[in-house]
Structure formats: structure tokens, C-alpha cells
PDB file of N, CA and C in Angstrom:
ATOM      1  N   MET A   1       0.849  -1.183   0.000  1.00  0.00           N
ATOM      2  CA  MET A   1       0.000   0.000   0.000  1.00  0.00           C
ATOM      3  C   MET A   1       0.895   1.246   0.000  1.00  0.00           C
ATOM      4  N   PRO A   2       0.607   2.189  -0.883  1.00  0.00           N
ATOM      5  CA  PRO A   2       1.424   3.407  -0.946  1.00  0.00           C
ATOM      6  C   PRO A   2       1.201   4.288   0.286  1.00  0.00           C
ATOM      7  N   ILE A   3       2.189   5.111   0.577  1.00  0.00           N
ATOM      8  CA  ILE A   3       2.051   6.062   1.688  1.00  0.00           C
ATOM      9  C   ILE A   3       0.886   7.012   1.400  1.00  0.00           C
ATOM     10  N   LEU A   4       0.837   7.576   0.187  1.00  0.00           N
ATOM     11  CA  LEU A   4      -0.236   8.497  -0.187  1.00  0.00           C
ATOM     12  C   LEU A   4      -1.006   7.967  -1.392  1.00  0.00           C
ATOM     13  N   ASP A   5      -2.319   8.069  -1.299  1.00  0.00           N
ATOM     14  CA  ASP A   5      -3.188   7.766  -2.435  1.00  0.00           C
ATOM     15  C   ASP A   5      -3.396   9.100  -3.157  1.00  0.00           C
ATOM     16  N   LYS A   6      -2.606   9.306  -4.207  1.00  0.00           N
ATOM     17  CA  LYS A   6      -2.575  10.598  -4.914  1.00  0.00           C
ATOM     18  C   LYS A   6      -3.948  11.046  -5.416  1.00  0.00           C
ATOM     19  N   PRO A   7      -4.786  10.149  -5.984  1.00  0.00           N
ATOM     20  CA  PRO A   7      -6.105  10.609  -6.434  1.00  0.00           C
ATOM     21  C   PRO A   7      -6.964  11.207  -5.312  1.00  0.00           C
ATOM     22  N   VAL A   8      -6.866  10.667  -4.096  1.00  0.00           N
ATOM     23  CA  VAL A   8      -7.625  11.225  -2.974  1.00  0.00           C
ATOM     24  C   VAL A   8      -7.124  12.634  -2.667  1.00  0.00           C
ATOM     25  N   LEU A   9      -5.812  12.792  -2.644  1.00  0.00           N
ATOM     26  CA  LEU A   9      -5.212  14.100  -2.381  1.00  0.00           C
ATOM     27  C   LEU A   9      -5.550  15.090  -3.498  1.00  0.00           C
ATOM     28  N   ASP A  10      -5.512  14.627  -4.731  1.00  0.00           N
ATOM     29  CA  ASP A  10      -5.867  15.485  -5.870  1.00  0.00           C
ATOM     30  C   ASP A  10      -7.323  15.947  -5.791  1.00  0.00           C
ATOM     31  N   ARG A  11      -8.213  15.032  -5.384  1.00  0.00           N
ATOM     32  CA  ARG A  11      -9.634  15.374  -5.246  1.00  0.00           C
ATOM     33  C   ARG A  11      -9.823  16.427  -4.167  1.00  0.00           C
ATOM     34  N   LEU A  12      -9.129  16.256  -3.054  1.00  0.00           N
ATOM     35  CA  LEU A  12      -9.212  17.235  -1.972  1.00  0.00           C
ATOM     36  C   LEU A  12      -8.767  18.606  -2.466  1.00  0.00           C
ATOM     37  N   THR A  13      -7.637  18.637  -3.165  1.00  0.00           N
ATOM     38  CA  THR A  13      -7.115  19.896  -3.695  1.00  0.00           C
ATOM     39  C   THR A  13      -8.104  20.531  -4.675  1.00  0.00           C
ATOM     40  N   ALA A  14      -8.707  19.709  -5.518  1.00  0.00           N
ATOM     41  CA  ALA A  14      -9.696  20.218  -6.473  1.00  0.00           C
ATOM     42  C   ALA A  14     -10.925  20.761  -5.748  1.00  0.00           C
ATOM     43  N   ASP A  15     -11.316  20.107  -4.664  1.00  0.00           N
ATOM     44  CA  ASP A  15     -12.509  20.522  -3.918  1.00  0.00           C
ATOM     45  C   ASP A  15     -12.316  21.825  -3.151  1.00  0.00           C
ATOM     46  N   VAL A  16     -11.137  22.008  -2.530  1.00  0.00           N
ATOM     47  CA  VAL A  16     -10.959  23.167  -1.644  1.00  0.00           C
ATOM     48  C   VAL A  16     -10.016  24.224  -2.196  1.00  0.00           C
ATOM     49  N   GLY A  17      -9.304  23.894  -3.261  1.00  0.00           N
ATOM     50  CA  GLY A  17      -8.331  24.827  -3.816  1.00  0.00           C
ATOM     51  C   GLY A  17      -6.948  24.564  -3.252  1.00  0.00           C
ATOM     52  N   GLU A  18      -5.948  24.995  -4.008  1.00  0.00           N
ATOM     53  CA  GLU A  18      -4.564  24.686  -3.642  1.00  0.00           C
ATOM     54  C   GLU A  18      -4.128  25.331  -2.328  1.00  0.00           C
ATOM     55  N   GLU A  19      -4.509  26.596  -2.131  1.00  0.00           N
ATOM     56  CA  GLU A  19      -4.094  27.302  -0.921  1.00  0.00           C
ATOM     57  C   GLU A  19      -4.713  26.658   0.328  1.00  0.00           C
ATOM     58  N   SER A  20      -6.000  26.375   0.269  1.00  0.00           N
ATOM     59  CA  SER A  20      -6.673  25.736   1.408  1.00  0.00           C
ATOM     60  C   SER A  20      -6.132  24.331   1.636  1.00  0.00           C
ATOM     61  N   ALA A  21      -5.879  23.597   0.568  1.00  0.00           N
ATOM     62  CA  ALA A  21      -5.334  22.240   0.702  1.00  0.00           C
ATOM     63  C   ALA A  21      -3.969  22.291   1.392  1.00  0.00           C
ATOM     64  N   ALA A  22      -3.137  23.257   1.009  1.00  0.00           N
ATOM     65  CA  ALA A  22      -1.811  23.394   1.633  1.00  0.00           C
ATOM     66  C   ALA A  22      -1.946  23.672   3.130  1.00  0.00           C
ATOM     67  N   PHE A  23      -2.897  24.533   3.494  1.00  0.00           N
ATOM     68  CA  PHE A  23      -3.139  24.837   4.909  1.00  0.00           C
ATOM     69  C   PHE A  23      -3.618  23.590   5.649  1.00  0.00           C
ATOM     70  N   LEU A  24      -4.555  22.865   5.042  1.00  0.00           N
ATOM     71  CA  LEU A  24      -5.094  21.661   5.678  1.00  0.00           C
ATOM     72  C   LEU A  24      -4.024  20.585   5.843  1.00  0.00           C
ATOM     73  N   ILE A  25      -3.176  20.438   4.843  1.00  0.00           N
ATOM     74  CA  ILE A  25      -2.092  19.451   4.925  1.00  0.00           C
ATOM     75  C   ILE A  25      -1.112  19.836   6.033  1.00  0.00           C
ATOM     76  N   SER A  26      -0.801  21.109   6.142  1.00  0.00           N
ATOM     77  CA  SER A  26       0.075  21.577   7.213  1.00  0.00           C
ATOM     78  C   SER A  26      -0.533  21.266   8.576  1.00  0.00           C
ATOM     79  N   SER A  27      -1.819  21.506   8.699  1.00  0.00           N
ATOM     80  CA  SER A  27      -2.529  21.194   9.948  1.00  0.00           C
ATOM     81  C   SER A  27      -2.497  19.697  10.233  1.00  0.00           C
ATOM     82  N   LEU A  28      -2.696  18.893   9.203  1.00  0.00           N
ATOM     83  CA  LEU A  28      -2.665  17.439   9.377  1.00  0.00           C
ATOM     84  C   LEU A  28      -1.279  16.981   9.827  1.00  0.00           C
ATOM     85  N   LYS A  29      -0.238  17.538   9.233  1.00  0.00           N
ATOM     86  CA  LYS A  29       1.131  17.153   9.621  1.00  0.00           C
ATOM     87  C   LYS A  29       1.353  17.428  11.111  1.00  0.00           C
ATOM     88  N   ASN A  30       0.875  18.567  11.597  1.00  0.00           N
ATOM     89  CA  ASN A  30       0.980  18.880  13.028  1.00  0.00           C
ATOM     90  C   ASN A  30       0.162  17.896  13.863  1.00  0.00           C
ATOM     91  N   GLU A  31      -1.022  17.566  13.376  1.00  0.00           N
ATOM     92  CA  GLU A  31      -1.900  16.635  14.077  1.00  0.00           C
ATOM     93  C   GLU A  31      -1.281  15.233  14.145  1.00  0.00           C
ATOM     94  N   ILE A  32      -0.630  14.814  13.083  1.00  0.00           N
ATOM     95  CA  ILE A  32       0.033  13.500  13.070  1.00  0.00           C
ATOM     96  C   ILE A  32       1.064  13.444  14.193  1.00  0.00           C
ATOM     97  N   THR A  33       1.898  14.466  14.286  1.00  0.00           N
ATOM     98  CA  THR A  33       2.941  14.498  15.310  1.00  0.00           C
ATOM     99  C   THR A  33       2.333  14.558  16.707  1.00  0.00           C
ATOM    100  N   ARG A  34       1.367  15.428  16.894  1.00  0.00           N
ATOM    101  CA  ARG A  34       0.733  15.592  18.203  1.00  0.00           C
ATOM    102  C   ARG A  34       0.064  14.289  18.646  1.00  0.00           C
ATOM    103  N   THR A  35      -0.696  13.675  17.744  1.00  0.00           N
ATOM    104  CA  THR A  35      -1.424  12.455  18.101  1.00  0.00           C
ATOM    105  C   THR A  35      -0.476  11.289  18.326  1.00  0.00           C
ATOM    106  N   ARG A  36       0.558  11.183  17.501  1.00  0.00           N
ATOM    107  CA  ARG A  36       1.544  10.109  17.699  1.00  0.00           C
ATOM    108  C   ARG A  36       2.142  10.196  19.104  1.00  0.00           C
ATOM    109  N   ASP A  37       2.534  11.398  19.514  1.00  0.00           N
ATOM    110  CA  ASP A  37       3.105  11.592  20.845  1.00  0.00           C
ATOM    111  C   ASP A  37       2.079  11.289  21.941  1.00  0.00           C
ATOM    112  N   ALA A  38       0.844  11.729  21.730  1.00  0.00           N
ATOM    113  CA  ALA A  38      -0.216  11.471  22.710  1.00  0.00           C
ATOM    114  C   ALA A  38      -0.492   9.972  22.833  1.00  0.00           C
ATOM    115  N   LEU A  39      -0.506   9.264  21.703  1.00  0.00           N
ATOM    116  CA  LEU A  39      -0.746   7.818  21.729  1.00  0.00           C
ATOM    117  C   LEU A  39       0.336   7.111  22.538  1.00  0.00           C
ATOM    118  N   GLU A  40       1.579   7.519  22.361  1.00  0.00           N
ATOM    119  CA  GLU A  40       2.680   6.912  23.115  1.00  0.00           C
ATOM    120  C   GLU A  40       2.507   7.155  24.611  1.00  0.00           C
ATOM    121  N   ASP A  41       2.155   8.383  24.983  1.00  0.00           N
ATOM    122  CA  ASP A  41       1.954   8.714  26.399  1.00  0.00           C
ATOM    123  C   ASP A  41       0.781   7.927  26.985  1.00  0.00           C
ATOM    124  N   LEU A  42      -0.326   7.891  26.260  1.00  0.00           N
ATOM    125  CA  LEU A  42      -1.518   7.189  26.742  1.00  0.00           C
ATOM    126  C   LEU A  42      -1.259   5.688  26.884  1.00  0.00           C
ATOM    127  N   ALA A  43      -0.575   5.113  25.913  1.00  0.00           N
ATOM    128  CA  ALA A  43      -0.282   3.680  25.962  1.00  0.00           C
ATOM    129  C   ALA A  43       0.643   3.368  27.137  1.00  0.00           C
ATOM    130  N   ALA A  44       1.619   4.242  27.371  1.00  0.00           N
ATOM    131  CA  ALA A  44       2.545   4.032  28.487  1.00  0.00           C
ATOM    132  C   ALA A  44       1.810   4.040  29.833  1.00  0.00           C
ATOM    133  N   LYS A  45       0.705   4.784  29.895  1.00  0.00           N
ATOM    134  CA  LYS A  45      -0.101   4.852  31.124  1.00  0.00           C
ATOM    135  C   LYS A  45      -1.162   3.751  31.159  1.00  0.00           C
ATOM    136  N   GLY A  46      -1.255   2.961  30.073  1.00  0.00           N
ATOM    137  CA  GLY A  46      -2.258   1.899  30.020  1.00  0.00           C
ATOM    138  C   GLY A  46      -3.671   2.400  29.759  1.00  0.00           C
ATOM    139  N   GLU A  47      -3.792   3.616  29.244  1.00  0.00           N
ATOM    140  CA  GLU A  47      -5.112   4.212  28.975  1.00  0.00           C
ATOM    141  C   GLU A  47      -5.588   3.815  27.571  1.00  0.00           C
ATOM    142  N   LEU A  48      -5.926   2.542  27.425  1.00  0.00           N
ATOM    143  CA  LEU A  48      -6.239   2.000  26.094  1.00  0.00           C
ATOM    144  C   LEU A  48      -7.536   2.548  25.514  1.00  0.00           C
ATOM    145  N   GLU A  49      -8.474   2.934  26.353  1.00  0.00           N
ATOM    146  CA  GLU A  49      -9.714   3.521  25.830  1.00  0.00           C
ATOM    147  C   GLU A  49      -9.404   4.837  25.111  1.00  0.00           C
ATOM    148  N   GLN A  50      -8.529   5.641  25.706  1.00  0.00           N
ATOM    149  CA  GLN A  50      -8.125   6.896  25.074  1.00  0.00           C
ATOM    150  C   GLN A  50      -7.259   6.642  23.834  1.00  0.00           C
ATOM    151  N   VAL A  51      -6.434   5.603  23.885  1.00  0.00           N
ATOM    152  CA  VAL A  51      -5.650   5.221  22.705  1.00  0.00           C
ATOM    153  C   VAL A  51      -6.598   4.909  21.553  1.00  0.00           C
ATOM    154  N   GLU A  52      -7.636   4.143  21.852  1.00  0.00           N
ATOM    155  CA  GLU A  52      -8.619   3.785  20.817  1.00  0.00           C
ATOM    156  C   GLU A  52      -9.265   5.031  20.206  1.00  0.00           C
ATOM    157  N   ILE A  53      -9.671   5.978  21.052  1.00  0.00           N
ATOM    158  CA  ILE A  53     -10.338   7.198  20.582  1.00  0.00           C
ATOM    159  C   ILE A  53      -9.396   8.038  19.721  1.00  0.00           C
ATOM    160  N   GLN A  54      -8.176   8.245  20.201  1.00  0.00           N
ATOM    161  CA  GLN A  54      -7.200   9.062  19.469  1.00  0.00           C
ATOM    162  C   GLN A  54      -6.798   8.410  18.143  1.00  0.00           C
ATOM    163  N   ALA A  55      -6.592   7.093  18.165  1.00  0.00           N
ATOM    164  CA  ALA A  55      -6.217   6.383  16.936  1.00  0.00           C
ATOM    165  C   ALA A  55      -7.346   6.456  15.916  1.00  0.00           C
ATOM    166  N   HIS A  56      -8.579   6.357  16.386  1.00  0.00           N
ATOM    167  CA  HIS A  56      -9.738   6.446  15.483  1.00  0.00           C
ATOM    168  C   HIS A  56      -9.790   7.813  14.799  1.00  0.00           C
ATOM    169  N   ALA A  57      -9.580   8.857  15.582  1.00  0.00           N
ATOM    170  CA  ALA A  57      -9.633  10.217  15.023  1.00  0.00           C
ATOM    171  C   ALA A  57      -8.541  10.431  13.975  1.00  0.00           C
ATOM    172  N   LEU A  58      -7.316   9.990  14.274  1.00  0.00           N
ATOM    173  CA  LEU A  58      -6.223  10.169  13.315  1.00  0.00           C
ATOM    174  C   LEU A  58      -6.440   9.294  12.082  1.00  0.00           C
ATOM    175  N   LYS A  59      -6.982   8.102  12.271  1.00  0.00           N
ATOM    176  CA  LYS A  59      -7.283   7.215  11.144  1.00  0.00           C
ATOM    177  C   LYS A  59      -8.210   7.920  10.157  1.00  0.00           C
ATOM    178  N   SER A  60      -9.265   8.514  10.669  1.00  0.00           N
ATOM    179  CA  SER A  60     -10.242   9.181   9.810  1.00  0.00           C
ATOM    180  C   SER A  60      -9.627  10.362   9.068  1.00  0.00           C
ATOM    181  N   ALA A  61      -8.859  11.173   9.782  1.00  0.00           N
ATOM    182  CA  ALA A  61      -8.203  12.326   9.148  1.00  0.00           C
ATOM    183  C   ALA A  61      -7.215  11.865   8.091  1.00  0.00           C
ATOM    184  N   ALA A  62      -6.411  10.872   8.432  1.00  0.00           N
ATOM    185  CA  ALA A  62      -5.394  10.381   7.494  1.00  0.00           C
ATOM    186  C   ALA A  62      -6.034   9.876   6.205  1.00  0.00           C
ATOM    187  N   ARG A  63      -7.062   9.080   6.337  1.00  0.00           N
ATOM    188  CA  ARG A  63      -7.723   8.515   5.154  1.00  0.00           C
ATOM    189  C   ARG A  63      -8.346   9.599   4.286  1.00  0.00           C
ATOM    190  N   SER A  64      -8.898  10.646   4.913  1.00  0.00           N
ATOM    191  CA  SER A  64      -9.542  11.704   4.123  1.00  0.00           C
ATOM    192  C   SER A  64      -8.527  12.500   3.309  1.00  0.00           C
ATOM    193  N   PHE A  65      -7.241  12.434   3.687  1.00  0.00           N
ATOM    194  CA  PHE A  65      -6.175  13.102   2.951  1.00  0.00           C
ATOM    195  C   PHE A  65      -5.402  12.138   2.051  1.00  0.00           C
ATOM    196  N   GLY A  66      -5.828  10.879   2.030  1.00  0.00           N
ATOM    197  CA  GLY A  66      -5.155   9.902   1.183  1.00  0.00           C
ATOM    198  C   GLY A  66      -3.939   9.257   1.819  1.00  0.00           C
ATOM    199  N   ALA A  67      -3.729   9.480   3.117  1.00  0.00           N
ATOM    200  CA  ALA A  67      -2.595   8.871   3.822  1.00  0.00           C
ATOM    201  C   ALA A  67      -3.026   7.474   4.289  1.00  0.00           C
ATOM    202  N   MET A  68      -3.123   6.569   3.319  1.00  0.00           N
ATOM    203  CA  MET A  68      -3.740   5.272   3.554  1.00  0.00           C
ATOM    204  C   MET A  68      -2.932   4.365   4.485  1.00  0.00           C
ATOM    205  N   ARG A  69      -1.623   4.340   4.355  1.00  0.00           N
ATOM    206  CA  ARG A  69      -0.828   3.470   5.218  1.00  0.00           C
ATOM    207  C   ARG A  69      -0.925   3.941   6.673  1.00  0.00           C
ATOM    208  N   LEU A  70      -0.899   5.251   6.877  1.00  0.00           N
ATOM    209  CA  LEU A  70      -1.081   5.804   8.212  1.00  0.00           C
ATOM    210  C   LEU A  70      -2.472   5.443   8.744  1.00  0.00           C
ATOM    211  N   GLY A  71      -3.467   5.563   7.890  1.00  0.00           N
ATOM    212  CA  GLY A  71      -4.832   5.207   8.280  1.00  0.00           C
ATOM    213  C   GLY A  71      -4.940   3.752   8.698  1.00  0.00           C
ATOM    214  N   GLU A  72      -4.286   2.873   7.947  1.00  0.00           N
ATOM    215  CA  GLU A  72      -4.332   1.443   8.274  1.00  0.00           C
ATOM    216  C   GLU A  72      -3.604   1.144   9.580  1.00  0.00           C
ATOM    217  N   THR A  73      -2.488   1.805   9.819  1.00  0.00           N
ATOM    218  CA  THR A  73      -1.754   1.609  11.071  1.00  0.00           C
ATOM    219  C   THR A  73      -2.596   2.090  12.249  1.00  0.00           C
ATOM    220  N   CYS A  74      -3.241   3.233  12.088  1.00  0.00           N
ATOM    221  CA  CYS A  74      -4.111   3.749  13.156  1.00  0.00           C
ATOM    222  C   CYS A  74      -5.297   2.820  13.399  1.00  0.00           C
ATOM    223  N   TYR A  75      -5.834   2.254  12.328  1.00  0.00           N
ATOM    224  CA  TYR A  75      -6.931   1.301  12.464  1.00  0.00           C
ATOM    225  C   TYR A  75      -6.484   0.089  13.288  1.00  0.00           C
ATOM    226  N   ALA A  76      -5.290  -0.417  13.000  1.00  0.00           N
ATOM    227  CA  ALA A  76      -4.762  -1.566  13.737  1.00  0.00           C
ATOM    228  C   ALA A  76      -4.567  -1.218  15.217  1.00  0.00           C
ATOM    229  N   ILE A  77      -4.079  -0.011  15.493  1.00  0.00           N
ATOM    230  CA  ILE A  77      -3.904   0.442  16.880  1.00  0.00           C
ATOM    231  C   ILE A  77      -5.268   0.534  17.562  1.00  0.00           C
ATOM    232  N   GLU A  78      -6.225   1.123  16.857  1.00  0.00           N
ATOM    233  CA  GLU A  78      -7.582   1.266  17.392  1.00  0.00           C
ATOM    234  C   GLU A  78      -8.162  -0.099  17.772  1.00  0.00           C
ATOM    235  N   GLN A  79      -8.026  -1.073  16.884  1.00  0.00           N
ATOM    236  CA  GLN A  79      -8.588  -2.409  17.136  1.00  0.00           C
ATOM    237  C   GLN A  79      -7.855  -3.115  18.286  1.00  0.00           C
ATOM    238  N   ALA A  80      -6.540  -2.990  18.334  1.00  0.00           N
ATOM    239  CA  ALA A  80      -5.767  -3.618  19.416  1.00  0.00           C
ATOM    240  C   ALA A  80      -6.128  -2.992  20.766  1.00  0.00           C
ATOM    241  N   ALA A  81      -6.294  -1.677  20.784  1.00  0.00           N
ATOM    242  CA  ALA A  81      -6.661  -0.992  22.030  1.00  0.00           C
ATOM    243  C   ALA A  81      -8.063  -1.418  22.464  1.00  0.00           C
ATOM    244  N   LYS A  82      -8.968  -1.518  21.507  1.00  0.00           N
ATOM    245  CA  LYS A  82     -10.344  -1.934  21.796  1.00  0.00           C
ATOM    246  C   LYS A  82     -10.357  -3.327  22.424  1.00  0.00           C
ATOM    247  N   ALA A  83      -9.453  -4.201  21.982  1.00  0.00           N
ATOM    248  CA  ALA A  83      -9.353  -5.573  22.485  1.00  0.00           C
ATOM    249  C   ALA A  83      -8.448  -5.677  23.716  1.00  0.00           C
ATOM    250  N   SER A  84      -8.008  -4.515  24.237  1.00  0.00           N
ATOM    251  CA  SER A  84      -7.132  -4.462  25.419  1.00  0.00           C
ATOM    252  C   SER A  84      -5.843  -5.254  25.243  1.00  0.00           C
ATOM    253  N   GLN A  85      -5.278  -5.181  24.039  1.00  0.00           N
ATOM    254  CA  GLN A  85      -4.029  -5.886  23.738  1.00  0.00           C
ATOM    255  C   GLN A  85      -2.854  -4.910  23.844  1.00  0.00           C
ATOM    256  N   GLN A  86      -2.409  -4.676  25.066  1.00  0.00           N
ATOM    257  CA  GLN A  86      -1.353  -3.696  25.338  1.00  0.00           C
ATOM    258  C   GLN A  86      -0.073  -3.991  24.546  1.00  0.00           C
ATOM    259  N   THR A  87       0.351  -5.250  24.525  1.00  0.00           N
ATOM    260  CA  THR A  87       1.592  -5.606  23.823  1.00  0.00           C
ATOM    261  C   THR A  87       1.472  -5.314  22.336  1.00  0.00           C
ATOM    262  N   GLU A  88       0.313  -5.626  21.758  1.00  0.00           N
ATOM    263  CA  GLU A  88       0.061  -5.347  20.341  1.00  0.00           C
ATOM    264  C   GLU A  88       0.076  -3.845  20.080  1.00  0.00           C
ATOM    265  N   VAL A  89      -0.551  -3.092  20.950  1.00  0.00           N
ATOM    266  CA  VAL A  89      -0.557  -1.625  20.822  1.00  0.00           C
ATOM    267  C   VAL A  89       0.873  -1.097  20.846  1.00  0.00           C
ATOM    268  N   ASP A  90       1.660  -1.567  21.801  1.00  0.00           N
ATOM    269  CA  ASP A  90       3.045  -1.100  21.919  1.00  0.00           C
ATOM    270  C   ASP A  90       3.842  -1.383  20.648  1.00  0.00           C
ATOM    271  N   GLY A  91       3.669  -2.564  20.082  1.00  0.00           N
ATOM    272  CA  GLY A  91       4.360  -2.908  18.838  1.00  0.00           C
ATOM    273  C   GLY A  91       3.916  -2.040  17.680  1.00  0.00           C
ATOM    274  N   LEU A  92       2.617  -1.789  17.595  1.00  0.00           N
ATOM    275  CA  LEU A  92       2.080  -0.956  16.514  1.00  0.00           C
ATOM    276  C   LEU A  92       2.528   0.496  16.642  1.00  0.00           C
ATOM    277  N   LEU A  93       2.753   0.956  17.862  1.00  0.00           N
ATOM    278  CA  LEU A  93       3.228   2.325  18.044  1.00  0.00           C
ATOM    279  C   LEU A  93       4.644   2.502  17.509  1.00  0.00           C
ATOM    280  N   VAL A  94       5.438   1.447  17.549  1.00  0.00           N
ATOM    281  CA  VAL A  94       6.772   1.495  16.932  1.00  0.00           C
ATOM    282  C   VAL A  94       6.610   1.669  15.420  1.00  0.00           C
ATOM    283  N   GLU A  95       5.678   0.917  14.839  1.00  0.00           N
ATOM    284  CA  GLU A  95       5.390   1.039  13.404  1.00  0.00           C
ATOM    285  C   GLU A  95       4.855   2.438  13.084  1.00  0.00           C
ATOM    286  N   LEU A  96       4.003   2.963  13.963  1.00  0.00           N
ATOM    287  CA  LEU A  96       3.423   4.294  13.745  1.00  0.00           C
ATOM    288  C   LEU A  96       4.503   5.360  13.634  1.00  0.00           C
ATOM    289  N   LYS A  97       5.571   5.237  14.412  1.00  0.00           N
ATOM    290  CA  LYS A  97       6.670   6.217  14.337  1.00  0.00           C
ATOM    291  C   LYS A  97       7.209   6.334  12.924  1.00  0.00           C
ATOM    292  N   SER A  98       7.528   5.184  12.316  1.00  0.00           N
ATOM    293  CA  SER A  98       8.108   5.237  10.962  1.00  0.00           C
ATOM    294  C   SER A  98       7.077   5.623   9.919  1.00  0.00           C
ATOM    295  N   VAL A  99       5.857   5.098  10.034  1.00  0.00           N
ATOM    296  CA  VAL A  99       4.815   5.429   9.052  1.00  0.00           C
ATOM    297  C   VAL A  99       4.449   6.912   9.137  1.00  0.00           C
ATOM    298  N   SER A 100       4.371   7.455  10.332  1.00  0.00           N
ATOM    299  CA  SER A 100       4.026   8.877  10.448  1.00  0.00           C
ATOM    300  C   SER A 100       5.134   9.751   9.884  1.00  0.00           C
ATOM    301  N   ALA A 101       6.384   9.378  10.117  1.00  0.00           N
ATOM    302  CA  ALA A 101       7.502  10.148   9.549  1.00  0.00           C
ATOM    303  C   ALA A 101       7.488  10.084   8.028  1.00  0.00           C
ATOM    304  N   GLU A 102       7.253   8.894   7.473  1.00  0.00           N
ATOM    305  CA  GLU A 102       7.181   8.749   6.004  1.00  0.00           C
ATOM    306  C   GLU A 102       6.025   9.565   5.439  1.00  0.00           C
ATOM    307  N   THR A 103       4.903   9.583   6.151  1.00  0.00           N
ATOM    308  CA  THR A 103       3.719  10.316   5.688  1.00  0.00           C
ATOM    309  C   THR A 103       3.986  11.808   5.668  1.00  0.00           C
ATOM    310  N   ILE A 104       4.569  12.321   6.747  1.00  0.00           N
ATOM    311  CA  ILE A 104       4.886  13.756   6.814  1.00  0.00           C
ATOM    312  C   ILE A 104       5.849  14.130   5.688  1.00  0.00           C
ATOM    313  N   THR A 105       6.847  13.293   5.447  1.00  0.00           N
ATOM    314  CA  THR A 105       7.791  13.552   4.362  1.00  0.00           C
ATOM    315  C   THR A 105       7.078  13.542   3.007  1.00  0.00           C
ATOM    316  N   ALA A 106       6.186  12.596   2.815  1.00  0.00           N
ATOM    317  CA  ALA A 106       5.464  12.498   1.538  1.00  0.00           C
ATOM    318  C   ALA A 106       4.591  13.726   1.283  1.00  0.00           C
ATOM    319  N   PHE A 107       4.051  14.314   2.341  1.00  0.00           N
ATOM    320  CA  PHE A 107       3.234  15.529   2.194  1.00  0.00           C
ATOM    321  C   PHE A 107       4.081  16.773   1.958  1.00  0.00           C
ATOM    322  N   SER A 108       5.379  16.709   2.242  1.00  0.00           N
ATOM    323  CA  SER A 108       6.245  17.900   2.137  1.00  0.00           C
ATOM    324  C   SER A 108       6.684  18.181   0.724  1.00  0.00           C
TER     325      SER A 108
END
């Protein structure tokens, strides 16, 4: 699966215009970093319900911008947290670090 689904991103740009799309992408990049850090903190505290909520929100945002691999990783985190699988969540958060970095780079 590619980091970015270009047709989704192109559609977004066509819908809102280039300037607005650039602003939204910048906001998403900040949100990716903020949420990734929050997920790590929440998981370290064992707050899996909050991990599930945060992962769900980032999954939805990522997919709407065409960041499909990030969306899939967040979905996996969401499902593992929902099932109270702390070890699985911890492993997926390691994956999230690299996928989020690749996603931010791809948007740049």
C-alpha cells in the first residue's frame, strides 16, 4: 500500500483549492505528530480507551487526505486498544513512528 493515495489528495485539492489544501495538509502534519506523541503517552499509562479514541480520530483524518498506510496503522492500533491488547498496541506504536515520519515527508 502506498504512503499516499494521490487521487484522494488530488480530489481534496480540487474541492478546496490549492491554498486551502496546503493549509489543511500543514494542519494534518501537526496533528500527526501531536497524536503520535499522545498515543505513546496514553499507551505508556495503560489508557487503552483513550488510545482507541485518538487512533480512530487520526485514522479518519489520514484517510480523508489519502494517507492510507497511516490510516491502516491507526486502524490496527484502534482495534488492538479496543481488544485491550497492550503488547500489540506497543508494537504498533513502533510502526506508527516510521509510518508517520514517512507520511509527513510524503506531504512535504
